[in-house]
Amino acid sequence: MNYQILLESYAASENFSKEELSLLELELNSQLESIKFSRTQDCTEKAPKHICGAAQLCEDSSWIKCFASILDKANPSSLGKKTWGEKVIEALLDNNYLIN
């Protein structure tokens, strides 16, 4: 299943199963690796307004930022471990998608 479809489901107030959470984490890890090599990733495009709202981010936030925020809400990281949001921002900065 496509991660965007799962995020759409989440925005419609559906929860993720453990299997879906695992798949989403694998997908986000894959996206974090792929942005190092290609600037044509769909995940860096703007997400729709309702997805940004579900992620509690500003309108026009990227899919990958919304993805990370929703994962952090659905499955919070343990103390001392980086959140998905932190990992995404770090990767975007490291790969010049954001200006530091």
N, C-alpha and C. Protein backbone atom coordinates (compact mmCIF):
# COMPACT_ATOMS: atom_id res chain seq x y z
N MET A 1 0.84 -1.19 0.00
CA MET A 1 0.00 0.00 0.00
C MET A 1 0.88 1.24 0.00
N ASN A 2 0.49 2.22 -0.73
CA ASN A 2 1.19 3.48 -0.86
C ASN A 2 1.10 4.29 0.44
N TYR A 3 2.22 4.89 0.84
CA TYR A 3 2.23 5.66 2.09
C TYR A 3 1.24 6.82 2.05
N GLN A 4 1.05 7.41 0.88
CA GLN A 4 0.12 8.54 0.79
C GLN A 4 -1.32 8.10 1.09
N ILE A 5 -1.67 6.90 0.67
CA ILE A 5 -3.01 6.38 0.96
C ILE A 5 -3.17 6.17 2.46
N LEU A 6 -2.13 5.65 3.11
CA LEU A 6 -2.20 5.45 4.56
C LEU A 6 -2.29 6.79 5.31
N LEU A 7 -1.57 7.79 4.82
CA LEU A 7 -1.66 9.11 5.46
C LEU A 7 -3.04 9.72 5.24
N GLU A 8 -3.62 9.47 4.07
CA GLU A 8 -5.00 9.92 3.80
C GLU A 8 -5.96 9.27 4.80
N SER A 9 -5.77 7.98 5.05
CA SER A 9 -6.61 7.26 6.01
C SER A 9 -6.45 7.85 7.40
N TYR A 10 -5.22 8.15 7.78
CA TYR A 10 -4.95 8.75 9.09
C TYR A 10 -5.66 10.10 9.20
N ALA A 11 -5.59 10.89 8.13
CA ALA A 11 -6.24 12.21 8.14
C ALA A 11 -7.75 12.07 8.30
N ALA A 12 -8.29 10.93 7.89
CA ALA A 12 -9.72 10.67 8.03
C ALA A 12 -10.03 10.01 9.38
N SER A 13 -9.09 10.12 10.32
CA SER A 13 -9.25 9.63 11.69
C SER A 13 -9.18 8.11 11.85
N GLU A 14 -8.47 7.46 10.97
CA GLU A 14 -8.25 6.04 11.13
C GLU A 14 -6.88 5.82 11.76
N ASN A 15 -6.77 4.80 12.58
CA ASN A 15 -5.50 4.48 13.21
C ASN A 15 -4.71 3.50 12.35
N PHE A 16 -3.42 3.41 12.63
CA PHE A 16 -2.57 2.46 11.93
C PHE A 16 -2.48 1.17 12.73
N SER A 17 -2.41 0.05 12.01
CA SER A 17 -2.11 -1.22 12.66
C SER A 17 -0.60 -1.29 12.88
N LYS A 18 -0.16 -2.24 13.66
CA LYS A 18 1.29 -2.40 13.89
C LYS A 18 2.01 -2.70 12.58
N GLU A 19 1.38 -3.48 11.71
CA GLU A 19 1.98 -3.81 10.42
C GLU A 19 2.11 -2.56 9.55
N GLU A 20 1.07 -1.73 9.55
CA GLU A 20 1.11 -0.50 8.78
C GLU A 20 2.19 0.43 9.31
N LEU A 21 2.31 0.54 10.64
CA LEU A 21 3.36 1.37 11.23
C LEU A 21 4.74 0.88 10.80
N SER A 22 4.94 -0.41 10.81
CA SER A 22 6.23 -0.98 10.39
C SER A 22 6.51 -0.66 8.92
N LEU A 23 5.50 -0.81 8.08
CA LEU A 23 5.67 -0.50 6.66
C LEU A 23 5.96 0.99 6.45
N LEU A 24 5.26 1.84 7.20
CA LEU A 24 5.49 3.28 7.08
C LEU A 24 6.90 3.65 7.53
N GLU A 25 7.38 3.04 8.58
CA GLU A 25 8.75 3.33 9.05
C GLU A 25 9.77 2.90 8.01
N LEU A 26 9.57 1.73 7.40
CA LEU A 26 10.47 1.27 6.33
C LEU A 26 10.43 2.23 5.15
N GLU A 27 9.24 2.67 4.78
CA GLU A 27 9.09 3.59 3.66
C GLU A 27 9.77 4.93 3.95
N LEU A 28 9.61 5.45 5.16
CA LEU A 28 10.24 6.72 5.48
C LEU A 28 11.76 6.59 5.49
N ASN A 29 12.28 5.49 6.02
CA ASN A 29 13.72 5.25 5.96
C ASN A 29 14.20 5.21 4.52
N SER A 30 13.44 4.57 3.66
CA SER A 30 13.78 4.49 2.24
C SER A 30 13.80 5.89 1.60
N GLN A 31 12.82 6.69 1.94
CA GLN A 31 12.76 8.05 1.40
C GLN A 31 13.94 8.89 1.89
N LEU A 32 14.31 8.72 3.16
CA LEU A 32 15.44 9.47 3.70
C LEU A 32 16.73 9.11 2.96
N GLU A 33 16.86 7.86 2.56
CA GLU A 33 18.03 7.45 1.80
C GLU A 33 17.97 7.97 0.37
N SER A 34 16.79 7.91 -0.23
CA SER A 34 16.67 8.28 -1.64
C SER A 34 16.85 9.78 -1.89
N ILE A 35 16.51 10.64 -0.91
CA ILE A 35 16.69 12.07 -1.14
C ILE A 35 18.16 12.46 -1.22
N LYS A 36 19.04 11.56 -0.79
CA LYS A 36 20.47 11.83 -0.91
C LYS A 36 20.93 11.77 -2.36
N PHE A 37 20.18 11.03 -3.19
CA PHE A 37 20.64 10.76 -4.54
C PHE A 37 19.79 11.37 -5.64
N SER A 38 18.58 11.79 -5.32
CA SER A 38 17.69 12.31 -6.36
C SER A 38 16.90 13.51 -5.84
N ARG A 39 16.82 14.53 -6.66
CA ARG A 39 16.07 15.73 -6.29
C ARG A 39 14.64 15.68 -6.85
N THR A 40 14.26 14.56 -7.42
CA THR A 40 12.93 14.46 -8.03
C THR A 40 11.98 13.60 -7.21
N GLN A 41 12.16 13.61 -5.92
CA GLN A 41 11.32 12.78 -5.05
C GLN A 41 9.97 13.44 -4.81
N ASP A 42 8.90 12.66 -4.95
CA ASP A 42 7.55 13.16 -4.67
C ASP A 42 7.40 13.55 -3.21
N CYS A 43 8.18 12.92 -2.35
CA CYS A 43 8.03 13.17 -0.91
C CYS A 43 8.42 14.59 -0.52
N THR A 44 9.17 15.28 -1.37
CA THR A 44 9.56 16.65 -1.04
C THR A 44 8.57 17.68 -1.59
N GLU A 45 7.56 17.20 -2.32
CA GLU A 45 6.52 18.10 -2.83
C GLU A 45 5.55 18.46 -1.70
N LYS A 46 4.78 19.50 -1.91
CA LYS A 46 3.82 19.97 -0.90
C LYS A 46 2.69 18.96 -0.74
N ALA A 47 2.35 18.71 0.50
CA ALA A 47 1.21 17.83 0.81
C ALA A 47 -0.08 18.64 0.77
N PRO A 48 -1.20 17.98 0.55
CA PRO A 48 -2.48 18.70 0.58
C PRO A 48 -2.78 19.28 1.96
N LYS A 49 -3.62 20.28 1.97
CA LYS A 49 -3.96 21.00 3.19
C LYS A 49 -4.45 20.07 4.31
N HIS A 50 -5.30 19.10 4.00
CA HIS A 50 -5.85 18.22 5.04
C HIS A 50 -4.79 17.29 5.63
N ILE A 51 -3.78 16.94 4.85
CA ILE A 51 -2.69 16.12 5.37
C ILE A 51 -1.83 16.96 6.31
N CYS A 52 -1.54 18.20 5.91
CA CYS A 52 -0.79 19.11 6.79
C CYS A 52 -1.53 19.33 8.09
N GLY A 53 -2.85 19.46 8.00
CA GLY A 53 -3.67 19.64 9.20
C GLY A 53 -3.60 18.43 10.12
N ALA A 54 -3.70 17.24 9.54
CA ALA A 54 -3.63 16.01 10.34
C ALA A 54 -2.26 15.86 10.99
N ALA A 55 -1.23 16.38 10.32
CA ALA A 55 0.14 16.32 10.85
C ALA A 55 0.41 17.46 11.83
N GLN A 56 -0.52 18.39 11.92
CA GLN A 56 -0.39 19.59 12.74
C GLN A 56 0.82 20.42 12.31
N LEU A 57 0.94 20.57 10.99
CA LEU A 57 2.01 21.38 10.40
C LEU A 57 1.38 22.50 9.57
N CYS A 58 2.19 23.46 9.22
CA CYS A 58 1.74 24.58 8.38
C CYS A 58 1.30 24.07 7.01
N GLU A 59 0.33 24.78 6.44
CA GLU A 59 -0.05 24.49 5.06
C GLU A 59 1.19 24.57 4.19
N ASP A 60 1.20 23.83 3.12
CA ASP A 60 2.32 23.80 2.17
C ASP A 60 3.55 23.07 2.70
N SER A 61 3.40 22.32 3.80
CA SER A 61 4.51 21.49 4.27
C SER A 61 4.69 20.34 3.29
N SER A 62 5.88 19.81 3.24
CA SER A 62 6.16 18.71 2.31
C SER A 62 5.56 17.40 2.82
N TRP A 63 5.36 16.47 1.88
CA TRP A 63 4.86 15.14 2.24
C TRP A 63 5.76 14.50 3.29
N ILE A 64 7.07 14.60 3.10
CA ILE A 64 7.99 13.90 4.01
C ILE A 64 7.92 14.47 5.44
N LYS A 65 7.73 15.78 5.56
CA LYS A 65 7.58 16.36 6.90
C LYS A 65 6.27 15.92 7.54
N CYS A 66 5.20 15.90 6.75
CA CYS A 66 3.91 15.43 7.27
C CYS A 66 4.00 13.96 7.65
N PHE A 67 4.63 13.18 6.81
CA PHE A 67 4.82 11.76 7.04
C PHE A 67 5.51 11.55 8.40
N ALA A 68 6.60 12.27 8.62
CA ALA A 68 7.36 12.14 9.87
C ALA A 68 6.52 12.57 11.07
N SER A 69 5.80 13.67 10.95
CA SER A 69 4.98 14.16 12.05
C SER A 69 3.88 13.16 12.42
N ILE A 70 3.23 12.61 11.42
CA ILE A 70 2.17 11.65 11.67
C ILE A 70 2.74 10.38 12.30
N LEU A 71 3.89 9.91 11.83
CA LEU A 71 4.52 8.74 12.45
C LEU A 71 4.89 9.02 13.90
N ASP A 72 5.41 10.21 14.16
CA ASP A 72 5.76 10.57 15.55
C ASP A 72 4.53 10.58 16.45
N LYS A 73 3.39 11.02 15.92
CA LYS A 73 2.16 11.03 16.70
C LYS A 73 1.62 9.61 16.91
N ALA A 74 1.69 8.81 15.87
CA ALA A 74 1.13 7.46 15.93
C ALA A 74 1.98 6.50 16.76
N ASN A 75 3.29 6.75 16.77
CA ASN A 75 4.22 5.85 17.47
C ASN A 75 5.38 6.68 18.02
N PRO A 76 5.17 7.38 19.14
CA PRO A 76 6.21 8.25 19.69
C PRO A 76 7.51 7.49 19.99
N SER A 77 8.62 8.16 19.74
CA SER A 77 9.93 7.54 20.00
C SER A 77 10.21 7.56 21.50
N SER A 78 11.08 6.66 21.90
CA SER A 78 11.45 6.60 23.32
C SER A 78 12.39 7.75 23.67
N LEU A 79 12.48 8.05 24.95
CA LEU A 79 13.35 9.13 25.43
C LEU A 79 14.78 8.95 24.94
N GLY A 80 15.37 10.02 24.47
CA GLY A 80 16.76 9.99 24.04
C GLY A 80 16.94 9.55 22.60
N LYS A 81 15.89 9.08 21.96
CA LYS A 81 15.96 8.64 20.57
C LYS A 81 15.41 9.76 19.69
N LYS A 82 16.06 10.00 18.55
CA LYS A 82 15.58 11.05 17.65
C LYS A 82 14.18 10.72 17.14
N THR A 83 13.38 11.76 17.03
CA THR A 83 12.06 11.59 16.43
C THR A 83 12.21 11.50 14.92
N TRP A 84 11.15 11.03 14.26
CA TRP A 84 11.17 11.02 12.81
C TRP A 84 11.29 12.43 12.26
N GLY A 85 10.63 13.37 12.92
CA GLY A 85 10.71 14.76 12.49
C GLY A 85 12.14 15.29 12.53
N GLU A 86 12.86 14.96 13.58
CA GLU A 86 14.26 15.39 13.68
C GLU A 86 15.11 14.76 12.59
N LYS A 87 14.87 13.48 12.32
CA LYS A 87 15.63 12.79 11.28
C LYS A 87 15.37 13.40 9.90
N VAL A 88 14.11 13.73 9.65
CA VAL A 88 13.74 14.32 8.35
C VAL A 88 14.37 15.70 8.19
N ILE A 89 14.24 16.55 9.19
CA ILE A 89 14.82 17.90 9.10
C ILE A 89 16.33 17.81 8.90
N GLU A 90 16.97 16.93 9.64
CA GLU A 90 18.41 16.74 9.50
C GLU A 90 18.78 16.30 8.08
N ALA A 91 18.04 15.34 7.53
CA ALA A 91 18.31 14.87 6.17
C ALA A 91 18.06 15.96 5.13
N LEU A 92 16.99 16.72 5.32
CA LEU A 92 16.70 17.81 4.37
C LEU A 92 17.78 18.89 4.43
N LEU A 93 18.25 19.21 5.62
CA LEU A 93 19.34 20.19 5.75
C LEU A 93 20.63 19.65 5.15
N ASP A 94 20.97 18.40 5.47
CA ASP A 94 22.21 17.80 4.97
C ASP A 94 22.25 17.71 3.45
N ASN A 95 21.08 17.61 2.82
CA ASN A 95 21.01 17.44 1.38
C ASN A 95 20.53 18.71 0.66
N ASN A 96 20.63 19.83 1.36
CA ASN A 96 20.36 21.15 0.78
C ASN A 96 18.94 21.36 0.27
N TYR A 97 17.97 20.70 0.90
CA TYR A 97 16.58 20.98 0.58
C TYR A 97 16.08 22.17 1.39
N LEU A 98 16.72 22.42 2.51
CA LEU A 98 16.41 23.56 3.38
C LEU A 98 17.67 24.37 3.57
N ILE A 99 17.50 25.65 3.77
CA ILE A 99 18.65 26.50 4.04
C ILE A 99 18.80 26.64 5.53
N ASN A 100 19.97 26.34 6.03
CA ASN A 100 20.27 26.37 7.45
C ASN A 100 20.38 27.79 7.96
